[in-house]
Amino acid sequence: MELLSPVKRKDVDMNRLATRPCGGTLPGAVHYETTPGSRNLVAWKIHTPAPNGRCMIRVSDSPKEKEFKEILRPTDNSAGDDGSFECGREITNFEAKEVKIPRDLVCDTCIL
C-alpha cells in the first residue's frame, strides 16, 4: 500500500491554523468540495435580524444572479413552494440548514 502525502493548501499560513476567525485562511470566498447526492450543512451568522426574514439557498456555476436557478431545499422540509424558508429573525452566531446536492448537478466551481 502506498501512502500519499497530503496536498498543502496554498492560501493557508500553517503557523496560524488555530487563529480566529478563519484559521489562517486568507479572507475571501469559501471553497468547499462535495459530491452530487450528498447531504451538506450550510451555515451562516446573523448580524442584523429581519423580523420577517426568509432565505433561499441556490446554486450555480456562474456568479451572475440570473444564473442561480437551482434551488437547494432544506432536508427538514421547512421550505415553502418557492424554496424559501424562515431565517435571520434573531441575532445568532450559528444558523444552518442541511441540504442535499442534486445527483444530476454538474459544475466544477459551483457557487451557493
PDB file of N, CA and C in Angstrom:
ATOM      1  N   MET A   1       0.850  -1.172   0.000  1.00  0.00           N
ATOM      2  CA  MET A   1       0.000   0.000   0.000  1.00  0.00           C
ATOM      3  C   MET A   1       0.897   1.237   0.000  1.00  0.00           C
ATOM      4  N   GLU A   2       0.580   2.176  -0.860  1.00  0.00           N
ATOM      5  CA  GLU A   2       1.350   3.408  -0.969  1.00  0.00           C
ATOM      6  C   GLU A   2       0.631   4.524  -0.219  1.00  0.00           C
ATOM      7  N   LEU A   3       1.346   5.223   0.633  1.00  0.00           N
ATOM      8  CA  LEU A   3       0.770   6.351   1.355  1.00  0.00           C
ATOM      9  C   LEU A   3       1.033   7.616   0.571  1.00  0.00           C
ATOM     10  N   LEU A   4      -0.006   8.394   0.392  1.00  0.00           N
ATOM     11  CA  LEU A   4       0.120   9.654  -0.324  1.00  0.00           C
ATOM     12  C   LEU A   4       0.278  10.787   0.662  1.00  0.00           C
ATOM     13  N   SER A   5       1.152  11.711   0.352  1.00  0.00           N
ATOM     14  CA  SER A   5       1.307  12.860   1.244  1.00  0.00           C
ATOM     15  C   SER A   5       0.170  13.843   0.973  1.00  0.00           C
ATOM     16  N   PRO A   6      -0.317  14.533   2.003  1.00  0.00           N
ATOM     17  CA  PRO A   6      -1.414  15.476   1.811  1.00  0.00           C
ATOM     18  C   PRO A   6      -0.979  16.642   0.930  1.00  0.00           C
ATOM     19  N   VAL A   7      -1.939  17.175   0.196  1.00  0.00           N
ATOM     20  CA  VAL A   7      -1.677  18.332  -0.647  1.00  0.00           C
ATOM     21  C   VAL A   7      -1.821  19.575   0.215  1.00  0.00           C
ATOM     22  N   LYS A   8      -0.794  20.388   0.267  1.00  0.00           N
ATOM     23  CA  LYS A   8      -0.828  21.596   1.075  1.00  0.00           C
ATOM     24  C   LYS A   8      -1.656  22.667   0.401  1.00  0.00           C
ATOM     25  N   ARG A   9      -2.532  23.309   1.158  1.00  0.00           N
ATOM     26  CA  ARG A   9      -3.296  24.436   0.631  1.00  0.00           C
ATOM     27  C   ARG A   9      -2.373  25.624   0.454  1.00  0.00           C
ATOM     28  N   LYS A  10      -2.537  26.345  -0.636  1.00  0.00           N
ATOM     29  CA  LYS A  10      -1.654  27.456  -0.958  1.00  0.00           C
ATOM     30  C   LYS A  10      -1.981  28.727  -0.189  1.00  0.00           C
ATOM     31  N   ASP A  11      -3.239  28.889   0.225  1.00  0.00           N
ATOM     32  CA  ASP A  11      -3.658  30.145   0.839  1.00  0.00           C
ATOM     33  C   ASP A  11      -3.687  30.099   2.370  1.00  0.00           C
ATOM     34  N   VAL A  12      -3.011  29.115   2.979  1.00  0.00           N
ATOM     35  CA  VAL A  12      -3.051  28.958   4.430  1.00  0.00           C
ATOM     36  C   VAL A  12      -1.655  29.107   5.018  1.00  0.00           C
ATOM     37  N   ASP A  13      -1.574  29.928   6.065  1.00  0.00           N
ATOM     38  CA  ASP A  13      -0.342  30.030   6.842  1.00  0.00           C
ATOM     39  C   ASP A  13      -0.433  28.934   7.902  1.00  0.00           C
ATOM     40  N   MET A  14       0.297  27.848   7.728  1.00  0.00           N
ATOM     41  CA  MET A  14       0.193  26.692   8.618  1.00  0.00           C
ATOM     42  C   MET A  14       0.513  27.026  10.075  1.00  0.00           C
ATOM     43  N   ASN A  15       1.206  28.134  10.320  1.00  0.00           N
ATOM     44  CA  ASN A  15       1.513  28.552  11.692  1.00  0.00           C
ATOM     45  C   ASN A  15       0.330  29.226  12.366  1.00  0.00           C
ATOM     46  N   ARG A  16      -0.709  29.531  11.590  1.00  0.00           N
ATOM     47  CA  ARG A  16      -1.855  30.254  12.144  1.00  0.00           C
ATOM     48  C   ARG A  16      -3.138  29.431  12.120  1.00  0.00           C
ATOM     49  N   LEU A  17      -3.049  28.112  12.025  1.00  0.00           N
ATOM     50  CA  LEU A  17      -4.249  27.290  11.888  1.00  0.00           C
ATOM     51  C   LEU A  17      -5.233  27.450  13.041  1.00  0.00           C
ATOM     52  N   ALA A  18      -4.746  27.735  14.230  1.00  0.00           N
ATOM     53  CA  ALA A  18      -5.653  27.888  15.372  1.00  0.00           C
ATOM     54  C   ALA A  18      -6.108  29.337  15.572  1.00  0.00           C
ATOM     55  N   THR A  19      -5.715  30.230  14.679  1.00  0.00           N
ATOM     56  CA  THR A  19      -6.056  31.645  14.804  1.00  0.00           C
ATOM     57  C   THR A  19      -7.477  31.900  14.322  1.00  0.00           C
ATOM     58  N   ARG A  20      -8.233  32.698  15.080  1.00  0.00           N
ATOM     59  CA  ARG A  20      -9.584  33.057  14.683  1.00  0.00           C
ATOM     60  C   ARG A  20      -9.543  34.198  13.686  1.00  0.00           C
ATOM     61  N   PRO A  21     -10.518  34.442  12.845  1.00  0.00           N
ATOM     62  CA  PRO A  21     -11.712  33.617  12.693  1.00  0.00           C
ATOM     63  C   PRO A  21     -11.568  32.540  11.638  1.00  0.00           C
ATOM     64  N   CYS A  22     -10.562  32.611  10.794  1.00  0.00           N
ATOM     65  CA  CYS A  22     -10.505  31.695   9.644  1.00  0.00           C
ATOM     66  C   CYS A  22      -9.368  30.701   9.704  1.00  0.00           C
ATOM     67  N   GLY A  23      -8.704  30.563  10.829  1.00  0.00           N
ATOM     68  CA  GLY A  23      -7.648  29.574  10.959  1.00  0.00           C
ATOM     69  C   GLY A  23      -6.495  29.765   9.999  1.00  0.00           C
ATOM     70  N   GLY A  24      -6.166  30.993   9.682  1.00  0.00           N
ATOM     71  CA  GLY A  24      -5.038  31.259   8.814  1.00  0.00           C
ATOM     72  C   GLY A  24      -5.378  31.366   7.344  1.00  0.00           C
ATOM     73  N   THR A  25      -6.619  31.036   6.959  1.00  0.00           N
ATOM     74  CA  THR A  25      -7.029  31.158   5.571  1.00  0.00           C
ATOM     75  C   THR A  25      -7.239  32.633   5.252  1.00  0.00           C
ATOM     76  N   LEU A  26      -6.802  33.041   4.094  1.00  0.00           N
ATOM     77  CA  LEU A  26      -6.994  34.437   3.698  1.00  0.00           C
ATOM     78  C   LEU A  26      -8.475  34.746   3.540  1.00  0.00           C
ATOM     79  N   PRO A  27      -8.911  35.978   3.911  1.00  0.00           N
ATOM     80  CA  PRO A  27     -10.309  36.351   3.728  1.00  0.00           C
ATOM     81  C   PRO A  27     -10.700  36.252   2.259  1.00  0.00           C
ATOM     82  N   GLY A  28     -11.954  35.941   2.015  1.00  0.00           N
ATOM     83  CA  GLY A  28     -12.446  35.841   0.645  1.00  0.00           C
ATOM     84  C   GLY A  28     -13.479  34.740   0.530  1.00  0.00           C
ATOM     85  N   ALA A  29     -13.678  34.268  -0.677  1.00  0.00           N
ATOM     86  CA  ALA A  29     -14.686  33.238  -0.940  1.00  0.00           C
ATOM     87  C   ALA A  29     -14.344  31.949  -0.198  1.00  0.00           C
ATOM     88  N   VAL A  30     -15.382  31.243   0.232  1.00  0.00           N
ATOM     89  CA  VAL A  30     -15.207  29.960   0.896  1.00  0.00           C
ATOM     90  C   VAL A  30     -15.161  28.882  -0.181  1.00  0.00           C
ATOM     91  N   HIS A  31     -14.202  27.996  -0.084  1.00  0.00           N
ATOM     92  CA  HIS A  31     -14.088  26.901  -1.036  1.00  0.00           C
ATOM     93  C   HIS A  31     -14.465  25.612  -0.331  1.00  0.00           C
ATOM     94  N   TYR A  32     -15.245  24.798  -1.009  1.00  0.00           N
ATOM     95  CA  TYR A  32     -15.844  23.647  -0.375  1.00  0.00           C
ATOM     96  C   TYR A  32     -16.004  22.553  -1.424  1.00  0.00           C
ATOM     97  N   GLU A  33     -15.673  21.343  -1.082  1.00  0.00           N
ATOM     98  CA  GLU A  33     -15.854  20.232  -2.014  1.00  0.00           C
ATOM     99  C   GLU A  33     -16.961  19.330  -1.509  1.00  0.00           C
ATOM    100  N   THR A  34     -17.800  18.867  -2.428  1.00  0.00           N
ATOM    101  CA  THR A  34     -18.882  17.973  -2.080  1.00  0.00           C
ATOM    102  C   THR A  34     -19.133  17.028  -3.246  1.00  0.00           C
ATOM    103  N   THR A  35     -20.104  16.158  -3.082  1.00  0.00           N
ATOM    104  CA  THR A  35     -20.405  15.145  -4.083  1.00  0.00           C
ATOM    105  C   THR A  35     -21.889  15.203  -4.438  1.00  0.00           C
ATOM    106  N   PRO A  36     -22.235  15.082  -5.712  1.00  0.00           N
ATOM    107  CA  PRO A  36     -23.657  15.018  -6.071  1.00  0.00           C
ATOM    108  C   PRO A  36     -24.358  13.911  -5.296  1.00  0.00           C
ATOM    109  N   GLY A  37     -25.528  14.223  -4.766  1.00  0.00           N
ATOM    110  CA  GLY A  37     -26.302  13.272  -3.980  1.00  0.00           C
ATOM    111  C   GLY A  37     -25.990  13.295  -2.493  1.00  0.00           C
ATOM    112  N   SER A  38     -24.973  14.068  -2.081  1.00  0.00           N
ATOM    113  CA  SER A  38     -24.600  14.097  -0.661  1.00  0.00           C
ATOM    114  C   SER A  38     -25.415  15.128   0.109  1.00  0.00           C
ATOM    115  N   ARG A  39     -25.477  14.936   1.416  1.00  0.00           N
ATOM    116  CA  ARG A  39     -26.146  15.886   2.310  1.00  0.00           C
ATOM    117  C   ARG A  39     -25.080  16.785   2.900  1.00  0.00           C
ATOM    118  N   ASN A  40     -25.369  18.106   2.950  1.00  0.00           N
ATOM    119  CA  ASN A  40     -24.387  19.092   3.395  1.00  0.00           C
ATOM    120  C   ASN A  40     -25.045  20.123   4.300  1.00  0.00           C
ATOM    121  N   LEU A  41     -24.305  20.573   5.300  1.00  0.00           N
ATOM    122  CA  LEU A  41     -24.785  21.604   6.205  1.00  0.00           C
ATOM    123  C   LEU A  41     -24.290  22.962   5.705  1.00  0.00           C
ATOM    124  N   VAL A  42     -25.225  23.872   5.484  1.00  0.00           N
ATOM    125  CA  VAL A  42     -24.901  25.239   5.078  1.00  0.00           C
ATOM    126  C   VAL A  42     -25.232  26.118   6.279  1.00  0.00           C
ATOM    127  N   ALA A  43     -24.257  26.903   6.744  1.00  0.00           N
ATOM    128  CA  ALA A  43     -24.452  27.700   7.955  1.00  0.00           C
ATOM    129  C   ALA A  43     -24.063  29.151   7.714  1.00  0.00           C
ATOM    130  N   TRP A  44     -24.621  30.050   8.513  1.00  0.00           N
ATOM    131  CA  TRP A  44     -24.346  31.472   8.414  1.00  0.00           C
ATOM    132  C   TRP A  44     -24.568  32.126   9.764  1.00  0.00           C
ATOM    133  N   LYS A  45     -24.070  33.329   9.912  1.00  0.00           N
ATOM    134  CA  LYS A  45     -24.196  34.110  11.140  1.00  0.00           C
ATOM    135  C   LYS A  45     -25.121  35.290  10.858  1.00  0.00           C
ATOM    136  N   ILE A  46     -25.988  35.607  11.808  1.00  0.00           N
ATOM    137  CA  ILE A  46     -26.921  36.732  11.656  1.00  0.00           C
ATOM    138  C   ILE A  46     -26.394  37.918  12.456  1.00  0.00           C
ATOM    139  N   HIS A  47     -26.068  39.013  11.758  1.00  0.00           N
ATOM    140  CA  HIS A  47     -25.612  40.240  12.401  1.00  0.00           C
ATOM    141  C   HIS A  47     -26.773  41.205  12.629  1.00  0.00           C
ATOM    142  N   THR A  48     -27.640  41.329  11.634  1.00  0.00           N
ATOM    143  CA  THR A  48     -28.778  42.245  11.703  1.00  0.00           C
ATOM    144  C   THR A  48     -30.040  41.437  11.434  1.00  0.00           C
ATOM    145  N   PRO A  49     -30.871  41.224  12.450  1.00  0.00           N
ATOM    146  CA  PRO A  49     -32.066  40.400  12.259  1.00  0.00           C
ATOM    147  C   PRO A  49     -33.122  41.101  11.403  1.00  0.00           C
ATOM    148  N   ALA A  50     -33.929  40.295  10.751  1.00  0.00           N
ATOM    149  CA  ALA A  50     -35.074  40.772   9.971  1.00  0.00           C
ATOM    150  C   ALA A  50     -36.297  40.031  10.502  1.00  0.00           C
ATOM    151  N   PRO A  51     -37.237  40.724  11.136  1.00  0.00           N
ATOM    152  CA  PRO A  51     -38.374  40.056  11.786  1.00  0.00           C
ATOM    153  C   PRO A  51     -39.155  39.102  10.879  1.00  0.00           C
ATOM    154  N   ASN A  52     -39.207  39.380   9.593  1.00  0.00           N
ATOM    155  CA  ASN A  52     -39.931  38.524   8.653  1.00  0.00           C
ATOM    156  C   ASN A  52     -38.966  37.851   7.669  1.00  0.00           C
ATOM    157  N   GLY A  53     -37.704  37.644   8.089  1.00  0.00           N
ATOM    158  CA  GLY A  53     -36.667  37.134   7.203  1.00  0.00           C
ATOM    159  C   GLY A  53     -36.966  35.780   6.597  1.00  0.00           C
ATOM    160  N   ARG A  54     -36.639  35.653   5.321  1.00  0.00           N
ATOM    161  CA  ARG A  54     -36.751  34.381   4.595  1.00  0.00           C
ATOM    162  C   ARG A  54     -35.488  34.224   3.762  1.00  0.00           C
ATOM    163  N   CYS A  55     -34.994  33.014   3.694  1.00  0.00           N
ATOM    164  CA  CYS A  55     -33.784  32.726   2.933  1.00  0.00           C
ATOM    165  C   CYS A  55     -34.077  31.683   1.870  1.00  0.00           C
ATOM    166  N   MET A  56     -33.192  31.643   0.901  1.00  0.00           N
ATOM    167  CA  MET A  56     -33.256  30.642  -0.155  1.00  0.00           C
ATOM    168  C   MET A  56     -31.811  30.272  -0.474  1.00  0.00           C
ATOM    169  N   ILE A  57     -31.526  28.994  -0.564  1.00  0.00           N
ATOM    170  CA  ILE A  57     -30.182  28.532  -0.912  1.00  0.00           C
ATOM    171  C   ILE A  57     -30.234  28.082  -2.367  1.00  0.00           C
ATOM    172  N   ARG A  58     -29.482  28.802  -3.195  1.00  0.00           N
ATOM    173  CA  ARG A  58     -29.455  28.482  -4.621  1.00  0.00           C
ATOM    174  C   ARG A  58     -28.015  28.201  -5.035  1.00  0.00           C
ATOM    175  N   VAL A  59     -27.856  27.494  -6.123  1.00  0.00           N
ATOM    176  CA  VAL A  59     -26.523  27.130  -6.590  1.00  0.00           C
ATOM    177  C   VAL A  59     -26.422  27.373  -8.094  1.00  0.00           C
ATOM    178  N   SER A  60     -25.204  27.739  -8.517  1.00  0.00           N
ATOM    179  CA  SER A  60     -24.928  27.979  -9.928  1.00  0.00           C
ATOM    180  C   SER A  60     -23.434  27.810 -10.154  1.00  0.00           C
ATOM    181  N   ASP A  61     -23.042  27.703 -11.393  1.00  0.00           N
ATOM    182  CA  ASP A  61     -21.614  27.692 -11.694  1.00  0.00           C
ATOM    183  C   ASP A  61     -21.178  29.038 -12.264  1.00  0.00           C
ATOM    184  N   SER A  62     -22.031  30.036 -12.101  1.00  0.00           N
ATOM    185  CA  SER A  62     -21.734  31.396 -12.564  1.00  0.00           C
ATOM    186  C   SER A  62     -22.029  32.373 -11.432  1.00  0.00           C
ATOM    187  N   PRO A  63     -21.235  33.420 -11.271  1.00  0.00           N
ATOM    188  CA  PRO A  63     -21.504  34.401 -10.222  1.00  0.00           C
ATOM    189  C   PRO A  63     -22.646  35.377 -10.570  1.00  0.00           C
ATOM    190  N   LYS A  64     -23.215  35.251 -11.757  1.00  0.00           N
ATOM    191  CA  LYS A  64     -24.292  36.156 -12.184  1.00  0.00           C
ATOM    192  C   LYS A  64     -25.613  35.748 -11.536  1.00  0.00           C
ATOM    193  N   GLU A  65     -26.278  36.694 -10.902  1.00  0.00           N
ATOM    194  CA  GLU A  65     -27.526  36.449 -10.167  1.00  0.00           C
ATOM    195  C   GLU A  65     -28.557  35.703 -11.016  1.00  0.00           C
ATOM    196  N   LYS A  66     -28.722  36.081 -12.259  1.00  0.00           N
ATOM    197  CA  LYS A  66     -29.752  35.465 -13.107  1.00  0.00           C
ATOM    198  C   LYS A  66     -29.461  33.996 -13.426  1.00  0.00           C
ATOM    199  N   GLU A  67     -28.223  33.547 -13.201  1.00  0.00           N
ATOM    200  CA  GLU A  67     -27.842  32.166 -13.481  1.00  0.00           C
ATOM    201  C   GLU A  67     -28.151  31.215 -12.321  1.00  0.00           C
ATOM    202  N   PHE A  68     -28.520  31.758 -11.160  1.00  0.00           N
ATOM    203  CA  PHE A  68     -28.815  30.930  -9.985  1.00  0.00           C
ATOM    204  C   PHE A  68     -30.241  30.396 -10.094  1.00  0.00           C
ATOM    205  N   LYS A  69     -30.389  29.270 -10.759  1.00  0.00           N
ATOM    206  CA  LYS A  69     -31.718  28.710 -10.990  1.00  0.00           C
ATOM    207  C   LYS A  69     -32.001  27.487 -10.138  1.00  0.00           C
ATOM    208  N   GLU A  70     -30.977  26.740  -9.768  1.00  0.00           N
ATOM    209  CA  GLU A  70     -31.138  25.517  -8.982  1.00  0.00           C
ATOM    210  C   GLU A  70     -31.332  25.863  -7.508  1.00  0.00           C
ATOM    211  N   ILE A  71     -32.474  25.517  -6.943  1.00  0.00           N
ATOM    212  CA  ILE A  71     -32.773  25.785  -5.532  1.00  0.00           C
ATOM    213  C   ILE A  71     -32.476  24.524  -4.729  1.00  0.00           C
ATOM    214  N   LEU A  72     -31.707  24.686  -3.648  1.00  0.00           N
ATOM    215  CA  LEU A  72     -31.428  23.578  -2.737  1.00  0.00           C
ATOM    216  C   LEU A  72     -32.391  23.695  -1.560  1.00  0.00           C
ATOM    217  N   ARG A  73     -33.315  22.787  -1.469  1.00  0.00           N
ATOM    218  CA  ARG A  73     -34.323  22.819  -0.405  1.00  0.00           C
ATOM    219  C   ARG A  73     -33.789  22.136   0.850  1.00  0.00           C
ATOM    220  N   PRO A  74     -34.038  22.718   2.025  1.00  0.00           N
ATOM    221  CA  PRO A  74     -33.604  22.086   3.275  1.00  0.00           C
ATOM    222  C   PRO A  74     -34.228  20.698   3.437  1.00  0.00           C
ATOM    223  N   THR A  75     -33.464  19.771   3.986  1.00  0.00           N
ATOM    224  CA  THR A  75     -33.945  18.402   4.174  1.00  0.00           C
ATOM    225  C   THR A  75     -35.010  18.293   5.259  1.00  0.00           C
ATOM    226  N   ASP A  76     -35.189  19.368   6.067  1.00  0.00           N
ATOM    227  CA  ASP A  76     -36.216  19.327   7.114  1.00  0.00           C
ATOM    228  C   ASP A  76     -37.595  19.745   6.594  1.00  0.00           C
ATOM    229  N   ASN A  77     -37.724  19.914   5.273  1.00  0.00           N
ATOM    230  CA  ASN A  77     -38.988  20.280   4.624  1.00  0.00           C
ATOM    231  C   ASN A  77     -39.550  21.609   5.112  1.00  0.00           C
ATOM    232  N   SER A  78     -38.680  22.535   5.522  1.00  0.00           N
ATOM    233  CA  SER A  78     -39.135  23.833   6.012  1.00  0.00           C
ATOM    234  C   SER A  78     -39.360  24.851   4.891  1.00  0.00           C
ATOM    235  N   ALA A  79     -38.986  24.513   3.666  1.00  0.00           N
ATOM    236  CA  ALA A  79     -39.126  25.458   2.553  1.00  0.00           C
ATOM    237  C   ALA A  79     -40.556  25.512   2.044  1.00  0.00           C
ATOM    238  N   GLY A  80     -40.971  26.712   1.653  1.00  0.00           N
ATOM    239  CA  GLY A  80     -42.283  26.900   1.041  1.00  0.00           C
ATOM    240  C   GLY A  80     -42.244  26.497  -0.423  1.00  0.00           C
ATOM    241  N   ASP A  81     -43.325  26.786  -1.123  1.00  0.00           N
ATOM    242  CA  ASP A  81     -43.425  26.425  -2.538  1.00  0.00           C
ATOM    243  C   ASP A  81     -42.330  27.056  -3.390  1.00  0.00           C
ATOM    244  N   ASP A  82     -41.886  28.251  -3.003  1.00  0.00           N
ATOM    245  CA  ASP A  82     -40.854  28.945  -3.779  1.00  0.00           C
ATOM    246  C   ASP A  82     -39.433  28.534  -3.373  1.00  0.00           C
ATOM    247  N   GLY A  83     -39.298  27.655  -2.381  1.00  0.00           N
ATOM    248  CA  GLY A  83     -37.987  27.198  -1.928  1.00  0.00           C
ATOM    249  C   GLY A  83     -37.418  28.002  -0.772  1.00  0.00           C
ATOM    250  N   SER A  84     -38.109  29.073  -0.363  1.00  0.00           N
ATOM    251  CA  SER A  84     -37.599  29.904   0.737  1.00  0.00           C
ATOM    252  C   SER A  84     -38.077  29.371   2.085  1.00  0.00           C
ATOM    253  N   PHE A  85     -37.331  29.732   3.147  1.00  0.00           N
ATOM    254  CA  PHE A  85     -37.641  29.281   4.499  1.00  0.00           C
ATOM    255  C   PHE A  85     -37.349  30.418   5.477  1.00  0.00           C
ATOM    256  N   GLU A  86     -37.952  30.351   6.667  1.00  0.00           N
ATOM    257  CA  GLU A  86     -37.713  31.369   7.698  1.00  0.00           C
ATOM    258  C   GLU A  86     -36.250  31.344   8.116  1.00  0.00           C
ATOM    259  N   CYS A  87     -35.653  32.536   8.227  1.00  0.00           N
ATOM    260  CA  CYS A  87     -34.274  32.628   8.695  1.00  0.00           C
ATOM    261  C   CYS A  87     -33.959  34.073   9.053  1.00  0.00           C
ATOM    262  N   GLY A  88     -32.870  34.256   9.777  1.00  0.00           N
ATOM    263  CA  GLY A  88     -32.379  35.598  10.078  1.00  0.00           C
ATOM    264  C   GLY A  88     -33.286  36.442  10.939  1.00  0.00           C
ATOM    265  N   ARG A  89     -34.111  35.830  11.720  1.00  0.00           N
ATOM    266  CA  ARG A  89     -35.094  36.581  12.504  1.00  0.00           C
ATOM    267  C   ARG A  89     -34.579  37.039  13.857  1.00  0.00           C
ATOM    268  N   GLU A  90     -33.426  36.510  14.279  1.00  0.00           N
ATOM    269  CA  GLU A  90     -32.800  36.973  15.522  1.00  0.00           C
ATOM    270  C   GLU A  90     -31.291  36.853  15.391  1.00  0.00           C
ATOM    271  N   ILE A  91     -30.577  37.670  16.146  1.00  0.00           N
ATOM    272  CA  ILE A  91     -29.116  37.641  16.106  1.00  0.00           C
ATOM    273  C   ILE A  91     -28.643  36.296  16.641  1.00  0.00           C
ATOM    274  N   THR A  92     -27.768  35.654  15.903  1.00  0.00           N
ATOM    275  CA  THR A  92     -27.230  34.363  16.315  1.00  0.00           C
ATOM    276  C   THR A  92     -25.867  34.144  15.676  1.00  0.00           C
ATOM    277  N   ASN A  93     -25.030  33.383  16.333  1.00  0.00           N
ATOM    278  CA  ASN A  93     -23.720  33.059  15.786  1.00  0.00           C
ATOM    279  C   ASN A  93     -23.773  31.901  14.806  1.00  0.00           C
ATOM    280  N   PHE A  94     -24.867  31.134  14.846  1.00  0.00           N
ATOM    281  CA  PHE A  94     -24.922  29.946  14.013  1.00  0.00           C
ATOM    282  C   PHE A  94     -26.365  29.623  13.663  1.00  0.00           C
ATOM    283  N   GLU A  95     -26.689  29.767  12.396  1.00  0.00           N
ATOM    284  CA  GLU A  95     -27.986  29.345  11.875  1.00  0.00           C
ATOM    285  C   GLU A  95     -27.657  28.470  10.677  1.00  0.00           C
ATOM    286  N   ALA A  96     -28.339  27.348  10.518  1.00  0.00           N
ATOM    287  CA  ALA A  96     -27.947  26.418   9.464  1.00  0.00           C
ATOM    288  C   ALA A  96     -29.128  25.613   8.953  1.00  0.00           C
ATOM    289  N   LYS A  97     -28.942  25.078   7.762  1.00  0.00           N
ATOM    290  CA  LYS A  97     -29.890  24.140   7.170  1.00  0.00           C
ATOM    291  C   LYS A  97     -29.085  23.063   6.464  1.00  0.00           C
ATOM    292  N   GLU A  98     -29.576  21.853   6.538  1.00  0.00           N
ATOM    293  CA  GLU A  98     -28.980  20.766   5.789  1.00  0.00           C
ATOM    294  C   GLU A  98     -29.681  20.704   4.433  1.00  0.00           C
ATOM    295  N   VAL A  99     -28.886  20.557   3.373  1.00  0.00           N
ATOM    296  CA  VAL A  99     -29.440  20.428   2.024  1.00  0.00           C
ATOM    297  C   VAL A  99     -28.826  19.197   1.362  1.00  0.00           C
ATOM    298  N   LYS A 100     -29.515  18.676   0.376  1.00  0.00           N
ATOM    299  CA  LYS A 100     -28.989  17.547  -0.389  1.00  0.00           C
ATOM    300  C   LYS A 100     -28.635  18.060  -1.785  1.00  0.00           C
ATOM    301  N   ILE A 101     -27.409  17.802  -2.185  1.00  0.00           N
ATOM    302  CA  ILE A 101     -26.953  18.220  -3.503  1.00  0.00           C
ATOM    303  C   ILE A 101     -27.599  17.303  -4.541  1.00  0.00           C
ATOM    304  N   PRO A 102     -28.266  17.872  -5.555  1.00  0.00           N
ATOM    305  CA  PRO A 102     -28.898  17.010  -6.573  1.00  0.00           C
ATOM    306  C   PRO A 102     -27.878  16.092  -7.256  1.00  0.00           C
ATOM    307  N   ARG A 103     -28.274  14.859  -7.521  1.00  0.00           N
ATOM    308  CA  ARG A 103     -27.378  13.890  -8.165  1.00  0.00           C
ATOM    309  C   ARG A 103     -26.984  14.315  -9.574  1.00  0.00           C
ATOM    310  N   ASP A 104     -27.863  15.089 -10.232  1.00  0.00           N
ATOM    311  CA  ASP A 104     -27.579  15.490 -11.607  1.00  0.00           C
ATOM    312  C   ASP A 104     -26.893  16.854 -11.713  1.00  0.00           C
ATOM    313  N   LEU A 105     -26.518  17.455 -10.587  1.00  0.00           N
ATOM    314  CA  LEU A 105     -25.838  18.750 -10.610  1.00  0.00           C
ATOM    315  C   LEU A 105     -24.395  18.551 -11.046  1.00  0.00           C
ATOM    316  N   VAL A 106     -24.008  19.219 -12.102  1.00  0.00           N
ATOM    317  CA  VAL A 106     -22.643  19.113 -12.616  1.00  0.00           C
ATOM    318  C   VAL A 106     -22.077  20.508 -12.773  1.00  0.00           C
ATOM    319  N   CYS A 107     -21.035  20.807 -12.016  1.00  0.00           N
ATOM    320  CA  CYS A 107     -20.305  22.054 -12.193  1.00  0.00           C
ATOM    321  C   CYS A 107     -18.961  21.934 -11.486  1.00  0.00           C
ATOM    322  N   ASP A 108     -17.967  22.550 -12.060  1.00  0.00           N
ATOM    323  CA  ASP A 108     -16.627  22.480 -11.479  1.00  0.00           C
ATOM    324  C   ASP A 108     -16.424  23.472 -10.353  1.00  0.00           C
ATOM    325  N   THR A 109     -17.080  24.619 -10.449  1.00  0.00           N
ATOM    326  CA  THR A 109     -16.925  25.662  -9.435  1.00  0.00           C
ATOM    327  C   THR A 109     -18.288  26.209  -9.056  1.00  0.00           C
ATOM    328  N   CYS A 110     -19.090  25.379  -8.418  1.00  0.00           N
ATOM    329  CA  CYS A 110     -20.433  25.800  -8.009  1.00  0.00           C
ATOM    330  C   CYS A 110     -20.348  26.893  -6.959  1.00  0.00           C
ATOM    331  N   ILE A 111     -21.324  27.778  -6.976  1.00  0.00           N
ATOM    332  CA  ILE A 111     -21.410  28.881  -6.028  1.00  0.00           C
ATOM    333  C   ILE A 111     -22.766  28.775  -5.340  1.00  0.00           C
ATOM    334  N   LEU A 112     -22.768  28.834  -3.998  1.00  0.00           N
ATOM    335  CA  LEU A 112     -24.036  28.849  -3.248  1.00  0.00           C
ATOM    336  C   LEU A 112     -24.438  30.273  -3.021  1.00  0.00           C
TER     337      LEU A 112
END
